[in-house]
Amino acid sequence: MVRISKKFPGVEWIEGTGEFIKINVEKCVGCANCVKVCLAGCFEIVQKKAKILSLNECMECAACWYVCPEKAIDFNWPKGGTGYKSDWG
């Protein structure tokens, strides 16, 4: 199933892409860098820890992984990519 984004025109996602981002809550210090950098709004802070709100509109940019000072985010692109596709490459 393909989902077209109203929030990001020219972007679509294909369902069934698997889990590719995990948060190690023991390492997370709740700095909210992941929340601040994520254009798709995939993260939230709950009880001073980052939590994945939804990966439905994740653009697979890995910015969350890059800005995490504690290396609490594990980001892996699945073989063949996930389901993100855009008109811009």
N, C-alpha and C. Protein backbone atom coordinates (compact mmCIF):
# COMPACT_ATOMS: atom_id res chain seq x y z
N MET A 1 0.84 -1.18 0.00
CA MET A 1 0.00 0.00 0.00
C MET A 1 0.89 1.25 0.00
N VAL A 2 0.59 2.20 -0.82
CA VAL A 2 1.34 3.45 -0.92
C VAL A 2 0.54 4.55 -0.24
N ARG A 3 1.23 5.34 0.61
CA ARG A 3 0.60 6.49 1.26
C ARG A 3 1.23 7.76 0.71
N ILE A 4 0.40 8.68 0.27
CA ILE A 4 0.86 9.98 -0.19
C ILE A 4 0.74 10.95 0.99
N SER A 5 1.74 11.77 1.18
CA SER A 5 1.75 12.70 2.30
C SER A 5 1.11 14.03 1.95
N LYS A 6 0.19 14.48 2.80
CA LYS A 6 -0.36 15.83 2.67
C LYS A 6 0.63 16.85 3.23
N LYS A 7 1.38 16.42 4.24
CA LYS A 7 2.34 17.28 4.91
C LYS A 7 3.56 17.58 4.03
N PHE A 8 3.97 16.60 3.21
CA PHE A 8 5.14 16.73 2.35
C PHE A 8 4.75 16.39 0.91
N PRO A 9 4.29 17.38 0.13
CA PRO A 9 3.90 17.11 -1.26
C PRO A 9 5.07 16.52 -2.06
N GLY A 10 4.76 15.56 -2.90
CA GLY A 10 5.79 14.91 -3.70
C GLY A 10 6.48 13.76 -3.01
N VAL A 11 5.98 13.37 -1.82
CA VAL A 11 6.58 12.28 -1.06
C VAL A 11 5.54 11.19 -0.84
N GLU A 12 5.99 9.94 -0.94
CA GLU A 12 5.11 8.81 -0.64
C GLU A 12 5.88 7.74 0.11
N TRP A 13 5.16 6.91 0.84
CA TRP A 13 5.75 5.82 1.61
C TRP A 13 5.06 4.52 1.23
N ILE A 14 5.83 3.46 1.22
CA ILE A 14 5.29 2.13 0.94
C ILE A 14 5.26 1.37 2.25
N GLU A 15 4.13 0.79 2.58
CA GLU A 15 3.94 0.07 3.85
C GLU A 15 4.82 -1.17 3.94
N GLY A 16 5.00 -1.65 5.17
CA GLY A 16 5.70 -2.91 5.40
C GLY A 16 7.21 -2.79 5.34
N THR A 17 7.74 -1.68 5.81
CA THR A 17 9.17 -1.45 5.67
C THR A 17 9.99 -1.94 6.86
N GLY A 18 9.35 -2.30 7.95
CA GLY A 18 10.08 -2.83 9.09
C GLY A 18 10.57 -1.78 10.04
N GLU A 19 11.16 -2.25 11.13
CA GLU A 19 11.67 -1.37 12.17
C GLU A 19 13.13 -1.01 11.85
N PHE A 20 13.41 0.27 11.72
CA PHE A 20 14.77 0.68 11.37
C PHE A 20 15.34 1.72 12.32
N ILE A 21 14.55 2.19 13.27
CA ILE A 21 15.03 3.11 14.30
C ILE A 21 14.62 2.56 15.66
N LYS A 22 15.59 2.49 16.56
CA LYS A 22 15.31 2.05 17.93
C LYS A 22 15.96 3.05 18.88
N ILE A 23 15.34 3.24 20.04
CA ILE A 23 15.90 4.13 21.05
C ILE A 23 16.28 3.30 22.26
N ASN A 24 17.52 3.45 22.69
CA ASN A 24 17.98 2.81 23.91
C ASN A 24 17.66 3.77 25.06
N VAL A 25 16.58 3.51 25.78
CA VAL A 25 16.12 4.44 26.82
C VAL A 25 17.10 4.53 27.99
N GLU A 26 17.93 3.53 28.16
CA GLU A 26 18.93 3.59 29.23
C GLU A 26 20.03 4.61 28.91
N LYS A 27 20.31 4.83 27.64
CA LYS A 27 21.31 5.82 27.24
C LYS A 27 20.72 7.22 27.07
N CYS A 28 19.44 7.29 26.76
CA CYS A 28 18.78 8.57 26.46
C CYS A 28 18.74 9.46 27.70
N VAL A 29 19.13 10.73 27.50
CA VAL A 29 19.11 11.71 28.60
C VAL A 29 17.98 12.73 28.43
N GLY A 30 17.16 12.55 27.42
CA GLY A 30 16.02 13.44 27.21
C GLY A 30 16.37 14.82 26.70
N CYS A 31 17.46 14.95 25.96
CA CYS A 31 17.90 16.26 25.46
C CYS A 31 16.95 16.85 24.42
N ALA A 32 16.15 16.01 23.78
CA ALA A 32 15.16 16.39 22.76
C ALA A 32 15.78 16.83 21.43
N ASN A 33 17.05 16.56 21.22
CA ASN A 33 17.65 16.88 19.92
C ASN A 33 16.93 16.17 18.78
N CYS A 34 16.54 14.94 19.00
CA CYS A 34 15.84 14.17 17.96
C CYS A 34 14.49 14.83 17.63
N VAL A 35 13.81 15.32 18.64
CA VAL A 35 12.52 15.99 18.45
C VAL A 35 12.73 17.26 17.62
N LYS A 36 13.75 18.01 17.96
CA LYS A 36 14.02 19.30 17.30
C LYS A 36 14.42 19.15 15.83
N VAL A 37 15.17 18.11 15.52
CA VAL A 37 15.72 17.96 14.17
C VAL A 37 14.78 17.22 13.21
N CYS A 38 13.83 16.49 13.72
CA CYS A 38 12.98 15.64 12.87
C CYS A 38 11.86 16.45 12.21
N LEU A 39 11.95 16.63 10.92
CA LEU A 39 10.92 17.37 10.18
C LEU A 39 9.59 16.64 10.12
N ALA A 40 9.63 15.32 10.26
CA ALA A 40 8.41 14.52 10.18
C ALA A 40 7.71 14.36 11.52
N GLY A 41 8.31 14.85 12.60
CA GLY A 41 7.68 14.75 13.91
C GLY A 41 7.59 13.32 14.42
N CYS A 42 8.62 12.54 14.21
CA CYS A 42 8.61 11.13 14.59
C CYS A 42 8.84 10.87 16.08
N PHE A 43 9.32 11.87 16.81
CA PHE A 43 9.71 11.66 18.20
C PHE A 43 8.95 12.57 19.16
N GLU A 44 8.91 12.14 20.40
CA GLU A 44 8.38 12.94 21.49
C GLU A 44 9.19 12.61 22.74
N ILE A 45 9.10 13.46 23.74
CA ILE A 45 9.75 13.19 25.02
C ILE A 45 8.67 12.81 26.02
N VAL A 46 8.83 11.64 26.62
CA VAL A 46 7.89 11.13 27.62
C VAL A 46 8.69 10.73 28.84
N GLN A 47 8.36 11.30 29.97
CA GLN A 47 9.06 11.04 31.23
C GLN A 47 10.58 11.20 31.07
N LYS A 48 10.96 12.29 30.42
CA LYS A 48 12.36 12.68 30.23
C LYS A 48 13.17 11.71 29.37
N LYS A 49 12.48 10.98 28.50
CA LYS A 49 13.14 10.06 27.57
C LYS A 49 12.52 10.22 26.19
N ALA A 50 13.33 10.07 25.15
CA ALA A 50 12.82 10.10 23.78
C ALA A 50 12.00 8.84 23.52
N LYS A 51 10.94 9.04 22.78
CA LYS A 51 10.07 7.92 22.40
C LYS A 51 9.68 8.13 20.94
N ILE A 52 9.59 7.04 20.19
CA ILE A 52 9.13 7.12 18.81
C ILE A 52 7.62 7.30 18.84
N LEU A 53 7.18 8.42 18.31
CA LEU A 53 5.76 8.72 18.23
C LEU A 53 5.16 7.95 17.06
N SER A 54 5.81 8.06 15.91
CA SER A 54 5.37 7.35 14.71
C SER A 54 6.48 7.47 13.66
N LEU A 55 6.70 6.42 12.91
CA LEU A 55 7.66 6.46 11.80
C LEU A 55 6.94 6.52 10.45
N ASN A 56 5.64 6.81 10.49
CA ASN A 56 4.84 6.81 9.27
C ASN A 56 5.33 7.81 8.23
N GLU A 57 5.94 8.91 8.65
CA GLU A 57 6.41 9.90 7.69
C GLU A 57 7.92 10.12 7.79
N CYS A 58 8.63 9.17 8.37
CA CYS A 58 10.08 9.26 8.47
C CYS A 58 10.70 9.34 7.07
N MET A 59 11.63 10.28 6.90
CA MET A 59 12.27 10.47 5.61
C MET A 59 13.64 9.79 5.53
N GLU A 60 13.95 8.97 6.54
CA GLU A 60 15.18 8.18 6.54
C GLU A 60 16.44 9.03 6.39
N CYS A 61 16.42 10.23 6.93
CA CYS A 61 17.57 11.13 6.79
C CYS A 61 18.67 10.83 7.81
N ALA A 62 18.33 10.14 8.89
CA ALA A 62 19.25 9.78 9.97
C ALA A 62 19.73 10.97 10.78
N ALA A 63 19.06 12.11 10.65
CA ALA A 63 19.43 13.29 11.43
C ALA A 63 19.28 13.01 12.93
N CYS A 64 18.28 12.27 13.32
CA CYS A 64 18.06 11.93 14.73
C CYS A 64 19.26 11.18 15.29
N TRP A 65 19.74 10.23 14.55
CA TRP A 65 20.92 9.45 14.95
C TRP A 65 22.14 10.36 15.05
N TYR A 66 22.29 11.24 14.08
CA TYR A 66 23.47 12.10 14.02
C TYR A 66 23.53 13.09 15.19
N VAL A 67 22.39 13.64 15.62
CA VAL A 67 22.40 14.67 16.66
C VAL A 67 22.30 14.12 18.08
N CYS A 68 22.18 12.84 18.24
CA CYS A 68 22.05 12.25 19.58
C CYS A 68 23.42 12.20 20.26
N PRO A 69 23.63 13.02 21.29
CA PRO A 69 24.95 13.08 21.93
C PRO A 69 25.30 11.82 22.72
N GLU A 70 24.31 11.05 23.10
CA GLU A 70 24.53 9.85 23.91
C GLU A 70 24.55 8.56 23.08
N LYS A 71 24.41 8.70 21.78
CA LYS A 71 24.33 7.53 20.88
C LYS A 71 23.23 6.56 21.32
N ALA A 72 22.09 7.14 21.72
CA ALA A 72 20.96 6.35 22.19
C ALA A 72 20.04 5.92 21.06
N ILE A 73 20.28 6.43 19.86
CA ILE A 73 19.44 6.08 18.72
C ILE A 73 20.21 5.14 17.80
N ASP A 74 19.60 4.01 17.53
CA ASP A 74 20.15 3.03 16.60
C ASP A 74 19.38 3.17 15.30
N PHE A 75 20.06 3.58 14.25
CA PHE A 75 19.43 3.80 12.95
C PHE A 75 20.10 2.91 11.93
N ASN A 76 19.32 2.12 11.23
CA ASN A 76 19.84 1.23 10.18
C ASN A 76 18.92 1.28 8.98
N TRP A 77 19.49 1.52 7.81
CA TRP A 77 18.67 1.45 6.60
C TRP A 77 18.49 -0.03 6.26
N PRO A 78 17.25 -0.48 6.15
CA PRO A 78 17.04 -1.88 5.77
C PRO A 78 17.55 -2.15 4.36
N LYS A 79 17.88 -3.39 4.10
CA LYS A 79 18.34 -3.78 2.78
C LYS A 79 17.30 -3.34 1.75
N GLY A 80 17.73 -2.61 0.77
CA GLY A 80 16.82 -2.11 -0.26
C GLY A 80 16.12 -0.82 0.14
N GLY A 81 16.46 -0.27 1.30
CA GLY A 81 15.80 0.95 1.77
C GLY A 81 14.48 0.61 2.43
N THR A 82 13.84 1.60 2.97
CA THR A 82 12.51 1.35 3.55
C THR A 82 11.49 1.72 2.50
N GLY A 83 10.57 2.55 2.82
CA GLY A 83 9.52 2.85 1.87
C GLY A 83 9.45 4.28 1.42
N TYR A 84 10.41 5.10 1.80
CA TYR A 84 10.39 6.52 1.44
C TYR A 84 10.75 6.73 -0.02
N LYS A 85 9.94 7.52 -0.70
CA LYS A 85 10.20 7.84 -2.10
C LYS A 85 9.78 9.29 -2.34
N SER A 86 10.61 10.07 -3.00
CA SER A 86 10.23 11.45 -3.26
C SER A 86 10.47 11.80 -4.73
N ASP A 87 9.90 12.91 -5.13
CA ASP A 87 10.09 13.39 -6.49
C ASP A 87 11.49 13.99 -6.69
N TRP A 88 12.22 14.16 -5.58
CA TRP A 88 13.50 14.85 -5.64
C TRP A 88 14.70 13.92 -5.47
N GLY A 89 14.50 12.62 -5.51
CA GLY A 89 15.63 11.70 -5.43
C GLY A 89 15.64 10.84 -4.22
